[in-house]
Amino acid sequence: MSVADKLRELGIEEIQQKEKDLRQELFNLRFQQATHQLENIMRIRTVRRSIARAKTVLAEKVVESEV
């Protein structure tokens, strides 16, 4: 089961909360990078992609609920 499939099982509010949490994590990672405290720089990339997945699934659910 892929990450997107797991997101599709959640409700709209849960996905929005997940996206909000991921954005906060991204902010913290960027802050750590600026202060040279970030050890795993690839984490930024994975969080950005997770945000994109959440936004995509959220858009699918919004279109689905309109139909």
PDB file of N, CA and C in Angstrom:
ATOM      1  N   MET A   1       0.843  -1.179   0.000  1.00  0.00           N
ATOM      2  CA  MET A   1       0.000   0.000   0.000  1.00  0.00           C
ATOM      3  C   MET A   1       0.890   1.244   0.000  1.00  0.00           C
ATOM      4  N   SER A   2       0.653   2.110  -0.956  1.00  0.00           N
ATOM      5  CA  SER A   2       1.484   3.296  -1.092  1.00  0.00           C
ATOM      6  C   SER A   2       1.047   4.388  -0.123  1.00  0.00           C
ATOM      7  N   VAL A   3       1.853   5.413  -0.015  1.00  0.00           N
ATOM      8  CA  VAL A   3       1.562   6.530   0.869  1.00  0.00           C
ATOM      9  C   VAL A   3       0.288   7.238   0.411  1.00  0.00           C
ATOM     10  N   ALA A   4       0.123   7.392  -0.884  1.00  0.00           N
ATOM     11  CA  ALA A   4      -1.073   8.053  -1.415  1.00  0.00           C
ATOM     12  C   ALA A   4      -2.328   7.240  -1.094  1.00  0.00           C
ATOM     13  N   ASP A   5      -2.226   5.927  -1.140  1.00  0.00           N
ATOM     14  CA  ASP A   5      -3.372   5.081  -0.805  1.00  0.00           C
ATOM     15  C   ASP A   5      -3.770   5.262   0.654  1.00  0.00           C
ATOM     16  N   LYS A   6      -2.778   5.391   1.519  1.00  0.00           N
ATOM     17  CA  LYS A   6      -3.067   5.618   2.931  1.00  0.00           C
ATOM     18  C   LYS A   6      -3.743   6.970   3.132  1.00  0.00           C
ATOM     19  N   LEU A   7      -3.315   7.969   2.369  1.00  0.00           N
ATOM     20  CA  LEU A   7      -3.936   9.288   2.466  1.00  0.00           C
ATOM     21  C   LEU A   7      -5.372   9.259   1.959  1.00  0.00           C
ATOM     22  N   ARG A   8      -5.628   8.464   0.941  1.00  0.00           N
ATOM     23  CA  ARG A   8      -6.976   8.388   0.370  1.00  0.00           C
ATOM     24  C   ARG A   8      -7.982   7.809   1.363  1.00  0.00           C
ATOM     25  N   GLU A   9      -7.500   7.036   2.338  1.00  0.00           N
ATOM     26  CA  GLU A   9      -8.378   6.462   3.346  1.00  0.00           C
ATOM     27  C   GLU A   9      -8.823   7.503   4.373  1.00  0.00           C
ATOM     28  N   LEU A  10      -8.091   8.611   4.477  1.00  0.00           N
ATOM     29  CA  LEU A  10      -8.398   9.645   5.461  1.00  0.00           C
ATOM     30  C   LEU A  10      -9.491  10.565   4.949  1.00  0.00           C
ATOM     31  N   GLY A  11     -10.083  11.306   5.865  1.00  0.00           N
ATOM     32  CA  GLY A  11     -11.087  12.294   5.501  1.00  0.00           C
ATOM     33  C   GLY A  11     -10.424  13.602   5.095  1.00  0.00           C
ATOM     34  N   ILE A  12     -11.227  14.524   4.587  1.00  0.00           N
ATOM     35  CA  ILE A  12     -10.702  15.802   4.103  1.00  0.00           C
ATOM     36  C   ILE A  12     -10.028  16.580   5.231  1.00  0.00           C
ATOM     37  N   GLU A  13     -10.664  16.636   6.404  1.00  0.00           N
ATOM     38  CA  GLU A  13     -10.096  17.389   7.522  1.00  0.00           C
ATOM     39  C   GLU A  13      -8.785  16.777   7.995  1.00  0.00           C
ATOM     40  N   GLU A  14      -8.714  15.443   7.995  1.00  0.00           N
ATOM     41  CA  GLU A  14      -7.490  14.763   8.417  1.00  0.00           C
ATOM     42  C   GLU A  14      -6.343  15.043   7.448  1.00  0.00           C
ATOM     43  N   ILE A  15      -6.656  15.065   6.158  1.00  0.00           N
ATOM     44  CA  ILE A  15      -5.628  15.353   5.154  1.00  0.00           C
ATOM     45  C   ILE A  15      -5.145  16.789   5.303  1.00  0.00           C
ATOM     46  N   GLN A  16      -6.063  17.709   5.545  1.00  0.00           N
ATOM     47  CA  GLN A  16      -5.677  19.104   5.743  1.00  0.00           C
ATOM     48  C   GLN A  16      -4.781  19.247   6.970  1.00  0.00           C
ATOM     49  N   GLN A  17      -5.089  18.522   8.041  1.00  0.00           N
ATOM     50  CA  GLN A  17      -4.258  18.567   9.241  1.00  0.00           C
ATOM     51  C   GLN A  17      -2.884  17.970   8.966  1.00  0.00           C
ATOM     52  N   LYS A  18      -2.855  16.881   8.218  1.00  0.00           N
ATOM     53  CA  LYS A  18      -1.585  16.236   7.855  1.00  0.00           C
ATOM     54  C   LYS A  18      -0.720  17.205   7.050  1.00  0.00           C
ATOM     55  N   GLU A  19      -1.340  17.907   6.092  1.00  0.00           N
ATOM     56  CA  GLU A  19      -0.605  18.876   5.292  1.00  0.00           C
ATOM     57  C   GLU A  19      -0.063  20.008   6.173  1.00  0.00           C
ATOM     58  N   LYS A  20      -0.869  20.463   7.097  1.00  0.00           N
ATOM     59  CA  LYS A  20      -0.439  21.523   8.007  1.00  0.00           C
ATOM     60  C   LYS A  20       0.763  21.068   8.842  1.00  0.00           C
ATOM     61  N   ASP A  21       0.703  19.839   9.344  1.00  0.00           N
ATOM     62  CA  ASP A  21       1.810  19.288  10.124  1.00  0.00           C
ATOM     63  C   ASP A  21       3.082  19.165   9.282  1.00  0.00           C
ATOM     64  N   LEU A  22       2.914  18.732   8.031  1.00  0.00           N
ATOM     65  CA  LEU A  22       4.067  18.593   7.141  1.00  0.00           C
ATOM     66  C   LEU A  22       4.681  19.953   6.824  1.00  0.00           C
ATOM     67  N   ARG A  23       3.850  20.971   6.640  1.00  0.00           N
ATOM     68  CA  ARG A  23       4.368  22.317   6.386  1.00  0.00           C
ATOM     69  C   ARG A  23       5.153  22.840   7.587  1.00  0.00           C
ATOM     70  N   GLN A  24       4.675  22.532   8.795  1.00  0.00           N
ATOM     71  CA  GLN A  24       5.400  22.942  10.000  1.00  0.00           C
ATOM     72  C   GLN A  24       6.739  22.216  10.082  1.00  0.00           C
ATOM     73  N   GLU A  25       6.740  20.930   9.756  1.00  0.00           N
ATOM     74  CA  GLU A  25       7.986  20.169   9.748  1.00  0.00           C
ATOM     75  C   GLU A  25       8.961  20.730   8.720  1.00  0.00           C
ATOM     76  N   LEU A  26       8.455  21.092   7.545  1.00  0.00           N
ATOM     77  CA  LEU A  26       9.305  21.668   6.509  1.00  0.00           C
ATOM     78  C   LEU A  26       9.921  22.980   6.984  1.00  0.00           C
ATOM     79  N   PHE A  27       9.118  23.805   7.655  1.00  0.00           N
ATOM     80  CA  PHE A  27       9.630  25.055   8.202  1.00  0.00           C
ATOM     81  C   PHE A  27      10.775  24.782   9.182  1.00  0.00           C
ATOM     82  N   ASN A  28      10.565  23.813  10.074  1.00  0.00           N
ATOM     83  CA  ASN A  28      11.601  23.474  11.050  1.00  0.00           C
ATOM     84  C   ASN A  28      12.859  22.943  10.378  1.00  0.00           C
ATOM     85  N   LEU A  29      12.682  22.130   9.338  1.00  0.00           N
ATOM     86  CA  LEU A  29      13.844  21.591   8.621  1.00  0.00           C
ATOM     87  C   LEU A  29      14.625  22.709   7.933  1.00  0.00           C
ATOM     88  N   ARG A  30      13.919  23.644   7.335  1.00  0.00           N
ATOM     89  CA  ARG A  30      14.602  24.766   6.676  1.00  0.00           C
ATOM     90  C   ARG A  30      15.339  25.628   7.696  1.00  0.00           C
ATOM     91  N   PHE A  31      14.741  25.786   8.854  1.00  0.00           N
ATOM     92  CA  PHE A  31      15.388  26.552   9.920  1.00  0.00           C
ATOM     93  C   PHE A  31      16.666  25.846  10.367  1.00  0.00           C
ATOM     94  N   GLN A  32      16.588  24.525  10.537  1.00  0.00           N
ATOM     95  CA  GLN A  32      17.771  23.749  10.914  1.00  0.00           C
ATOM     96  C   GLN A  32      18.851  23.825   9.840  1.00  0.00           C
ATOM     97  N   GLN A  33      18.435  23.824   8.583  1.00  0.00           N
ATOM     98  CA  GLN A  33      19.405  23.906   7.494  1.00  0.00           C
ATOM     99  C   GLN A  33      20.114  25.259   7.510  1.00  0.00           C
ATOM    100  N   ALA A  34      19.377  26.311   7.781  1.00  0.00           N
ATOM    101  CA  ALA A  34      19.960  27.651   7.803  1.00  0.00           C
ATOM    102  C   ALA A  34      20.961  27.801   8.938  1.00  0.00           C
ATOM    103  N   THR A  35      20.727  27.090  10.035  1.00  0.00           N
ATOM    104  CA  THR A  35      21.642  27.186  11.175  1.00  0.00           C
ATOM    105  C   THR A  35      22.667  26.049  11.174  1.00  0.00           C
ATOM    106  N   HIS A  36      22.733  25.313  10.078  1.00  0.00           N
ATOM    107  CA  HIS A  36      23.699  24.219   9.884  1.00  0.00           C
ATOM    108  C   HIS A  36      23.569  23.128  10.939  1.00  0.00           C
ATOM    109  N   GLN A  37      22.342  22.836  11.344  1.00  0.00           N
ATOM    110  CA  GLN A  37      22.098  21.771  12.310  1.00  0.00           C
ATOM    111  C   GLN A  37      21.428  20.560  11.677  1.00  0.00           C
ATOM    112  N   LEU A  38      21.057  20.668  10.405  1.00  0.00           N
ATOM    113  CA  LEU A  38      20.349  19.583   9.733  1.00  0.00           C
ATOM    114  C   LEU A  38      21.347  18.523   9.281  1.00  0.00           C
ATOM    115  N   GLU A  39      21.136  17.281   9.738  1.00  0.00           N
ATOM    116  CA  GLU A  39      22.041  16.189   9.378  1.00  0.00           C
ATOM    117  C   GLU A  39      21.590  15.468   8.114  1.00  0.00           C
ATOM    118  N   ASN A  40      20.276  15.262   7.956  1.00  0.00           N
ATOM    119  CA  ASN A  40      19.761  14.543   6.800  1.00  0.00           C
ATOM    120  C   ASN A  40      19.056  15.530   5.869  1.00  0.00           C
ATOM    121  N   ILE A  41      19.782  16.061   4.913  1.00  0.00           N
ATOM    122  CA  ILE A  41      19.243  17.081   4.020  1.00  0.00           C
ATOM    123  C   ILE A  41      18.175  16.522   3.086  1.00  0.00           C
ATOM    124  N   MET A  42      18.182  15.207   2.857  1.00  0.00           N
ATOM    125  CA  MET A  42      17.178  14.590   1.987  1.00  0.00           C
ATOM    126  C   MET A  42      15.794  14.594   2.619  1.00  0.00           C
ATOM    127  N   ARG A  43      15.724  14.819   3.907  1.00  0.00           N
ATOM    128  CA  ARG A  43      14.420  14.858   4.586  1.00  0.00           C
ATOM    129  C   ARG A  43      13.564  16.005   4.043  1.00  0.00           C
ATOM    130  N   ILE A  44      14.208  17.109   3.659  1.00  0.00           N
ATOM    131  CA  ILE A  44      13.476  18.237   3.082  1.00  0.00           C
ATOM    132  C   ILE A  44      12.756  17.788   1.816  1.00  0.00           C
ATOM    133  N   ARG A  45      13.444  17.047   0.994  1.00  0.00           N
ATOM    134  CA  ARG A  45      12.862  16.572  -0.265  1.00  0.00           C
ATOM    135  C   ARG A  45      11.674  15.645  -0.017  1.00  0.00           C
ATOM    136  N   THR A  46      11.826  14.736   0.942  1.00  0.00           N
ATOM    137  CA  THR A  46      10.742  13.800   1.204  1.00  0.00           C
ATOM    138  C   THR A  46       9.522  14.505   1.799  1.00  0.00           C
ATOM    139  N   VAL A  47       9.742  15.504   2.633  1.00  0.00           N
ATOM    140  CA  VAL A  47       8.615  16.243   3.209  1.00  0.00           C
ATOM    141  C   VAL A  47       7.921  17.058   2.126  1.00  0.00           C
ATOM    142  N   ARG A  48       8.681  17.679   1.233  1.00  0.00           N
ATOM    143  CA  ARG A  48       8.069  18.443   0.136  1.00  0.00           C
ATOM    144  C   ARG A  48       7.210  17.538  -0.736  1.00  0.00           C
ATOM    145  N   ARG A  49       7.689  16.346  -1.010  1.00  0.00           N
ATOM    146  CA  ARG A  49       6.917  15.407  -1.824  1.00  0.00           C
ATOM    147  C   ARG A  49       5.683  14.909  -1.086  1.00  0.00           C
ATOM    148  N   SER A  50       5.792  14.745   0.213  1.00  0.00           N
ATOM    149  CA  SER A  50       4.635  14.339   0.999  1.00  0.00           C
ATOM    150  C   SER A  50       3.564  15.421   1.002  1.00  0.00           C
ATOM    151  N   ILE A  51       3.985  16.671   1.054  1.00  0.00           N
ATOM    152  CA  ILE A  51       3.035  17.785   0.976  1.00  0.00           C
ATOM    153  C   ILE A  51       2.328  17.756  -0.375  1.00  0.00           C
ATOM    154  N   ALA A  52       3.079  17.519  -1.436  1.00  0.00           N
ATOM    155  CA  ALA A  52       2.487  17.464  -2.774  1.00  0.00           C
ATOM    156  C   ALA A  52       1.492  16.312  -2.878  1.00  0.00           C
ATOM    157  N   ARG A  53       1.821  15.166  -2.287  1.00  0.00           N
ATOM    158  CA  ARG A  53       0.894  14.032  -2.300  1.00  0.00           C
ATOM    159  C   ARG A  53      -0.388  14.378  -1.563  1.00  0.00           C
ATOM    160  N   ALA A  54      -0.240  15.016  -0.413  1.00  0.00           N
ATOM    161  CA  ALA A  54      -1.415  15.385   0.377  1.00  0.00           C
ATOM    162  C   ALA A  54      -2.301  16.364  -0.395  1.00  0.00           C
ATOM    163  N   LYS A  55      -1.679  17.346  -1.050  1.00  0.00           N
ATOM    164  CA  LYS A  55      -2.451  18.315  -1.819  1.00  0.00           C
ATOM    165  C   LYS A  55      -3.165  17.648  -2.992  1.00  0.00           C
ATOM    166  N   THR A  56      -2.517  16.684  -3.633  1.00  0.00           N
ATOM    167  CA  THR A  56      -3.108  15.981  -4.762  1.00  0.00           C
ATOM    168  C   THR A  56      -4.313  15.162  -4.316  1.00  0.00           C
ATOM    169  N   VAL A  57      -4.157  14.406  -3.247  1.00  0.00           N
ATOM    170  CA  VAL A  57      -5.254  13.584  -2.744  1.00  0.00           C
ATOM    171  C   VAL A  57      -6.394  14.472  -2.260  1.00  0.00           C
ATOM    172  N   LEU A  58      -6.063  15.594  -1.638  1.00  0.00           N
ATOM    173  CA  LEU A  58      -7.094  16.525  -1.176  1.00  0.00           C
ATOM    174  C   LEU A  58      -7.890  17.078  -2.358  1.00  0.00           C
ATOM    175  N   ALA A  59      -7.211  17.434  -3.427  1.00  0.00           N
ATOM    176  CA  ALA A  59      -7.890  17.934  -4.622  1.00  0.00           C
ATOM    177  C   ALA A  59      -8.790  16.847  -5.215  1.00  0.00           C
ATOM    178  N   GLU A  60      -8.330  15.609  -5.227  1.00  0.00           N
ATOM    179  CA  GLU A  60      -9.153  14.512  -5.724  1.00  0.00           C
ATOM    180  C   GLU A  60     -10.421  14.368  -4.895  1.00  0.00           C
ATOM    181  N   LYS A  61     -10.278  14.453  -3.575  1.00  0.00           N
ATOM    182  CA  LYS A  61     -11.431  14.288  -2.695  1.00  0.00           C
ATOM    183  C   LYS A  61     -12.431  15.450  -2.858  1.00  0.00           C
ATOM    184  N   VAL A  62     -11.922  16.661  -3.066  1.00  0.00           N
ATOM    185  CA  VAL A  62     -12.800  17.807  -3.236  1.00  0.00           C
ATOM    186  C   VAL A  62     -13.602  17.652  -4.530  1.00  0.00           C
ATOM    187  N   VAL A  63     -12.954  17.247  -5.598  1.00  0.00           N
ATOM    188  CA  VAL A  63     -13.655  17.024  -6.863  1.00  0.00           C
ATOM    189  C   VAL A  63     -14.658  15.892  -6.717  1.00  0.00           C
ATOM    190  N   GLU A  64     -14.266  14.846  -6.018  1.00  0.00           N
ATOM    191  CA  GLU A  64     -15.146  13.704  -5.809  1.00  0.00           C
ATOM    192  C   GLU A  64     -16.386  14.096  -5.005  1.00  0.00           C
ATOM    193  N   SER A  65     -16.212  14.962  -4.019  1.00  0.00           N
ATOM    194  CA  SER A  65     -17.345  15.348  -3.176  1.00  0.00           C
ATOM    195  C   SER A  65     -18.295  16.308  -3.920  1.00  0.00           C
ATOM    196  N   GLU A  66     -17.791  16.998  -4.933  1.00  0.00           N
ATOM    197  CA  GLU A  66     -18.628  17.916  -5.698  1.00  0.00           C
ATOM    198  C   GLU A  66     -19.534  17.183  -6.678  1.00  0.00           C
ATOM    199  N   VAL A  67     -19.117  16.014  -7.082  1.00  0.00           N
ATOM    200  CA  VAL A  67     -19.895  15.253  -8.072  1.00  0.00           C
ATOM    201  C   VAL A  67     -21.095  14.606  -7.496  1.00  0.00           C
TER     202      VAL A  67
END
